[in-house]
Protein backbone atom coordinates (compact mmCIF):
# COMPACT_ATOMS: atom_id res chain seq x y z
CA UNK A 1 1.59 -25.13 5.58
CA UNK A 2 -1.41 -27.35 5.10
CA UNK A 3 -0.91 -29.37 1.95
CA UNK A 4 -4.22 -31.22 1.82
CA UNK A 5 -6.42 -30.20 -1.07
CA UNK A 6 -9.56 -32.08 -1.99
CA UNK A 7 -11.46 -31.76 -5.23
CA UNK A 8 -14.28 -30.05 -3.36
CA UNK A 9 -12.06 -27.19 -2.14
CA UNK A 10 -10.16 -26.40 -5.34
CA UNK A 11 -11.17 -22.94 -6.57
CA UNK A 12 -11.89 -22.61 -10.29
CA UNK A 13 -11.49 -18.97 -11.24
CA UNK A 14 -13.47 -18.06 -14.38
CA UNK A 15 -11.75 -15.99 -17.05
CA UNK A 16 -14.25 -13.18 -16.52
CA UNK A 17 -13.92 -13.14 -12.73
CA UNK A 18 -15.20 -9.81 -11.41
CA UNK A 19 -14.34 -10.05 -7.73
CA UNK A 20 -16.73 -12.56 -6.21
CA UNK A 21 -14.81 -15.27 -4.38
CA UNK A 22 -15.55 -18.89 -5.11
CA UNK A 23 -17.37 -20.33 -2.10
CA UNK A 24 -17.21 -22.13 0.16
CA UNK A 25 -13.58 -21.29 0.89
CA UNK A 26 -11.89 -24.52 1.94
CA UNK A 27 -10.35 -24.79 5.38
CA UNK A 28 -6.94 -25.42 3.84
CA UNK A 29 -7.31 -22.40 1.56
CA UNK A 30 -8.24 -20.16 4.48
CA UNK A 31 -5.35 -21.40 6.63
CA UNK A 32 -2.76 -21.27 3.86
CA UNK A 33 -4.03 -17.90 2.72
CA UNK A 34 -3.56 -16.44 6.18
CA UNK A 35 0.04 -17.67 6.32
CA UNK A 36 0.78 -16.55 2.76
CA UNK A 37 -0.50 -13.04 3.52
CA UNK A 38 1.86 -12.77 6.50
CA UNK A 39 4.79 -14.01 4.39
CA UNK A 40 4.14 -11.53 1.58
CA UNK A 41 3.82 -8.65 4.01
CA UNK A 42 7.10 -9.59 5.72
CA UNK A 43 9.01 -9.84 2.44
CA UNK A 44 7.71 -6.45 1.39
CA UNK A 45 8.57 -4.75 4.69
CA UNK A 46 12.08 -6.16 4.43
CA UNK A 47 12.42 -4.49 1.03
CA UNK A 48 13.09 -7.86 -0.57
CA UNK A 49 10.26 -7.75 -3.08
CA UNK A 50 11.53 -4.48 -4.54
CA UNK A 51 15.03 -5.93 -4.71
CA UNK A 52 13.83 -9.08 -6.46
CA UNK A 53 11.83 -7.06 -8.98
CA UNK A 54 14.81 -4.80 -9.61
CA UNK A 55 17.57 -7.40 -9.91
CA UNK A 56 15.71 -10.54 -10.95
CA UNK A 57 17.59 -12.62 -8.38
CA UNK A 58 18.97 -11.89 -4.91
CA UNK A 59 21.82 -13.49 -2.98
CA UNK A 60 20.08 -14.28 0.31
CA UNK A 61 23.18 -14.11 2.50
CA UNK A 62 24.28 -10.83 0.95
CA UNK A 63 20.82 -9.30 1.33
CA UNK A 64 20.70 -10.37 4.99
CA UNK A 65 24.03 -8.69 5.64
CA UNK A 66 22.99 -5.48 3.86
CA UNK A 67 19.58 -5.25 5.52
CA UNK A 68 20.59 -6.38 9.00
CA UNK A 69 18.25 -9.37 8.84
CA UNK A 70 19.11 -12.68 10.46
CA UNK A 71 20.24 -14.95 7.63
CA UNK A 72 18.65 -18.09 9.04
CA UNK A 73 15.30 -16.40 9.66
CA UNK A 74 15.34 -14.80 6.22
CA UNK A 75 16.13 -18.14 4.60
CA UNK A 76 13.23 -19.82 6.41
CA UNK A 77 10.89 -17.00 5.38
CA UNK A 78 11.92 -17.50 1.77
CA UNK A 79 11.44 -21.25 2.11
CA UNK A 80 7.88 -20.56 3.23
CA UNK A 81 7.43 -18.25 0.23
CA UNK A 82 8.74 -21.07 -1.95
CA UNK A 83 6.10 -23.38 -0.48
CA UNK A 84 3.51 -20.79 -1.55
CA UNK A 85 4.91 -20.93 -5.09
CA UNK A 86 6.08 -17.30 -5.02
CA UNK A 87 9.84 -17.83 -4.85
CA UNK A 88 12.33 -20.31 -6.29
CA UNK A 89 15.50 -20.99 -4.31
CA UNK A 90 18.72 -22.30 -5.84
CA UNK A 91 22.28 -22.22 -4.53
CA UNK A 92 21.65 -19.41 -2.09
CA UNK A 93 19.80 -17.26 -4.62
CA UNK A 94 16.13 -16.27 -4.51
CA UNK A 95 14.08 -15.62 -7.67
CA UNK A 96 10.44 -14.64 -8.04
CA UNK A 97 8.26 -17.10 -9.93
CA UNK A 98 5.63 -15.90 -12.39
CA UNK A 99 3.06 -16.14 -9.59
CA UNK A 100 5.47 -14.33 -7.30
CA UNK A 101 5.83 -11.42 -9.70
CA UNK A 102 2.05 -11.05 -9.88
CA UNK A 103 1.87 -11.25 -6.09
CA UNK A 104 4.50 -8.51 -5.81
CA UNK A 105 2.56 -6.35 -8.26
CA UNK A 106 -0.56 -6.36 -6.06
CA UNK A 107 1.22 -6.50 -2.71
CA UNK A 108 -0.75 -3.45 -1.61
CA UNK A 109 -3.63 -5.73 -0.62
CA UNK A 110 -1.36 -7.39 1.96
CA UNK A 111 0.11 -4.11 3.18
CA UNK A 112 -3.43 -2.80 3.63
CA UNK A 113 -4.90 -5.89 5.31
CA UNK A 114 -2.01 -7.33 7.34
CA UNK A 115 -0.22 -4.07 8.09
CA UNK A 116 -3.33 -1.97 8.53
CA UNK A 117 -5.87 -4.22 10.23
CA UNK A 118 -4.08 -6.96 12.20
CA UNK A 119 -4.83 -5.34 15.57
CA UNK A 120 -8.46 -4.70 14.62
CA UNK A 121 -9.16 -8.29 13.56
CA UNK A 122 -7.28 -9.69 16.56
CA UNK A 123 -9.64 -7.72 18.84
CA UNK A 124 -12.84 -8.11 16.82
CA UNK A 125 -14.48 -10.31 19.46
CA UNK A 126 -13.80 -7.79 22.23
CA UNK A 127 -15.08 -4.97 20.02
CA UNK A 128 -18.27 -6.95 19.30
CA UNK A 129 -18.93 -7.49 23.02
CA UNK A 130 -18.11 -3.91 23.95
CA UNK A 131 -15.00 -4.76 26.00
CA UNK A 132 -12.93 -2.64 23.63
CA UNK A 133 -13.79 0.13 21.20
CA UNK A 134 -12.49 0.84 17.73
CA UNK A 135 -10.66 4.17 17.55
CA UNK A 136 -10.62 4.30 21.35
CA UNK A 137 -8.31 1.50 22.51
CA UNK A 138 -8.11 -0.48 19.26
CA UNK A 139 -6.79 1.21 16.15
CA UNK A 140 -5.99 0.42 12.58
CA UNK A 141 -2.51 1.34 11.33
CA UNK A 142 -3.41 4.26 9.09
CA UNK A 143 0.10 4.56 7.68
CA UNK A 144 -0.03 0.97 6.40
CA UNK A 145 -3.54 1.47 5.03
CA UNK A 146 -2.34 4.53 3.11
CA UNK A 147 0.81 2.78 1.88
CA UNK A 148 -1.12 -0.29 0.71
CA UNK A 149 -3.61 1.89 -1.12
CA UNK A 150 -0.75 3.72 -2.84
CA UNK A 151 0.91 0.46 -3.87
CA UNK A 152 -2.27 -0.84 -5.48
CA UNK A 153 -3.09 2.52 -7.00
CA UNK A 154 0.24 2.48 -8.82
CA UNK A 155 -0.18 -1.14 -9.90
CA UNK A 156 -3.79 -1.08 -11.02
CA UNK A 157 -5.26 2.40 -11.36
CA UNK A 158 -2.46 4.64 -12.61
CA UNK A 159 -3.16 3.88 -16.26
CA UNK A 160 -6.85 4.70 -15.90
CA UNK A 161 -6.13 8.01 -14.18
CA UNK A 162 -3.50 8.93 -16.77
CA UNK A 163 -5.94 8.31 -19.60
CA UNK A 164 -8.58 10.51 -17.93
CA UNK A 165 -6.12 13.35 -17.32
CA UNK A 166 -4.51 13.12 -20.75
CA UNK A 167 -7.16 15.31 -22.39
CA UNK A 168 -7.34 17.85 -19.55
CA UNK A 169 -5.39 21.09 -19.35
CA UNK A 170 -4.63 22.11 -15.77
CA UNK A 171 -1.90 23.70 -13.68
CA UNK A 172 -3.06 22.68 -10.19
CA UNK A 173 -4.48 19.39 -8.93
CA UNK A 174 -5.88 18.41 -5.54
CA UNK A 175 -6.11 14.81 -4.32
CA UNK A 176 -8.83 14.31 -1.70
CA UNK A 177 -8.04 11.40 0.59
CA UNK A 178 -4.51 11.39 -0.79
CA UNK A 179 -2.91 8.91 1.61
CA UNK A 180 0.86 9.17 1.18
CA UNK A 181 0.42 11.63 -1.75
CA UNK A 182 2.04 9.21 -4.21
CA UNK A 183 -0.68 9.81 -6.81
CA UNK A 184 -0.51 13.61 -6.77
CA UNK A 185 3.30 13.42 -6.85
CA UNK A 186 3.23 11.14 -9.88
CA UNK A 187 0.86 13.44 -11.76
CA UNK A 188 2.84 16.58 -10.89
CA UNK A 189 6.14 14.94 -11.84
CA UNK A 190 4.79 13.92 -15.24
CA UNK A 191 3.59 17.43 -16.16
CA UNK A 192 5.96 20.34 -16.23
CA UNK A 193 4.80 23.25 -14.08
CA UNK A 194 1.85 21.41 -12.51
CA UNK A 195 1.47 21.86 -8.78
CA UNK A 196 -0.53 19.74 -6.39
CA UNK A 197 -1.95 19.43 -2.90
CA UNK A 198 -2.83 16.21 -1.11
CA UNK A 199 -5.46 16.28 1.65
CA UNK A 200 -5.85 13.39 4.09
CA UNK A 201 -7.33 13.16 7.58
CA UNK A 202 -4.65 10.76 8.84
CA UNK A 203 -1.65 12.23 10.65
CA UNK A 204 0.48 9.12 10.05
CA UNK A 205 -0.39 9.07 6.36
CA UNK A 206 0.50 12.76 6.19
CA UNK A 207 3.92 12.07 7.69
CA UNK A 208 4.55 9.44 5.00
CA UNK A 209 3.32 11.93 2.41
CA UNK A 210 5.97 14.45 3.43
CA UNK A 211 8.61 11.80 2.80
CA UNK A 212 7.02 10.84 -0.53
CA UNK A 213 7.20 14.47 -1.68
CA UNK A 214 10.80 14.80 -0.52
CA UNK A 215 11.93 11.62 -2.25
CA UNK A 216 10.19 12.72 -5.46
CA UNK A 217 12.05 16.04 -5.36
CA UNK A 218 8.77 17.94 -5.45
CA UNK A 219 9.15 20.24 -2.45
CA UNK A 220 7.64 23.57 -3.47
CA UNK A 221 5.40 21.99 -6.11
CA UNK A 222 3.41 19.52 -4.01
CA UNK A 223 2.18 19.97 -0.46
CA UNK A 224 0.56 17.42 1.84
CA UNK A 225 -1.94 18.70 4.39
CA UNK A 226 -3.78 16.94 7.21
CA UNK A 227 -7.42 17.85 6.67
CA UNK A 228 -10.80 16.13 6.92
CA UNK A 229 -12.18 16.69 3.43
CA UNK A 230 -15.77 16.37 4.69
CA UNK A 231 -15.20 19.23 7.11
CA UNK A 232 -13.78 21.41 4.35
CA UNK A 233 -16.60 20.87 1.87
CA UNK A 234 -19.36 21.09 4.48
CA UNK A 235 -17.99 24.24 6.10
CA UNK A 236 -17.52 22.59 9.51
CA UNK A 237 -13.88 23.73 9.64
CA UNK A 238 -13.46 27.07 11.39
CA UNK A 239 -12.51 30.12 9.33
CA UNK A 240 -8.90 30.15 10.51
CA UNK A 241 -8.26 26.60 9.32
CA UNK A 242 -9.97 27.26 6.02
CA UNK A 243 -7.93 30.42 5.57
CA UNK A 244 -4.69 28.50 6.13
CA UNK A 245 -5.80 25.91 3.58
CA UNK A 246 -6.51 28.64 1.04
CA UNK A 247 -3.12 30.20 1.73
CA UNK A 248 -1.37 26.90 1.09
CA UNK A 249 -3.26 26.46 -2.18
CA UNK A 250 -2.40 30.00 -3.22
CA UNK A 251 1.27 29.34 -2.54
CA UNK A 252 1.11 26.28 -4.75
CA UNK A 253 -0.44 28.30 -7.53
CA UNK A 254 2.24 31.00 -7.29
CA UNK A 255 5.63 30.73 -8.98
CA UNK A 256 8.42 29.34 -6.80
CA UNK A 257 10.76 31.91 -5.35
């Protein structure tokens, strides 16, 4: 990775930073940031970040054997993460640094950007000139977009939602644009007897949602449905589809058999 760093390109983040990036972004920052994003995404997809957060330290050779990863490639990936300051390596063990733990907490940004939009950005020039068209022959990975959103929702927004819902009495909850339905599952699991439905237009996100519900043990209490929320609220959906949606909601409101 590019190690040059001049005084002019060092970013000074104010304590009250609200989301505006310090500019100009230095060439070295842009280059290193691109590589770091790829590294973080790879570690997450391997399941290594979860393992590091769970155990504190991971034997690299053992993890490679368990996951089916090539030990040499995994070691080099971790060396790159060490260069980023996210991982410390010692005697075959990998440990997250303080910066690495914070990176792992907000990894959803990398899942969303790298996993969801790599193909789109790689073809941006062709889209701009009309050679290719978004949602025609260039697509975003909707499953990764939904997963990244869920990761960041859990890390950053769950507390806010919980505080809002704490004073409300309800037995059914609907999540519009629910992604992988992690949010509605978390709410239903935390409240005895509460049922939920997650609506999302993405078929791939809906498939992940079915697995989320299954893993949470909430079959029968939470249902994921592929629906365009705008069509439902505007009445553009035909009566048959709307009727099926109402039936699903009614089932969720009825006691389990």
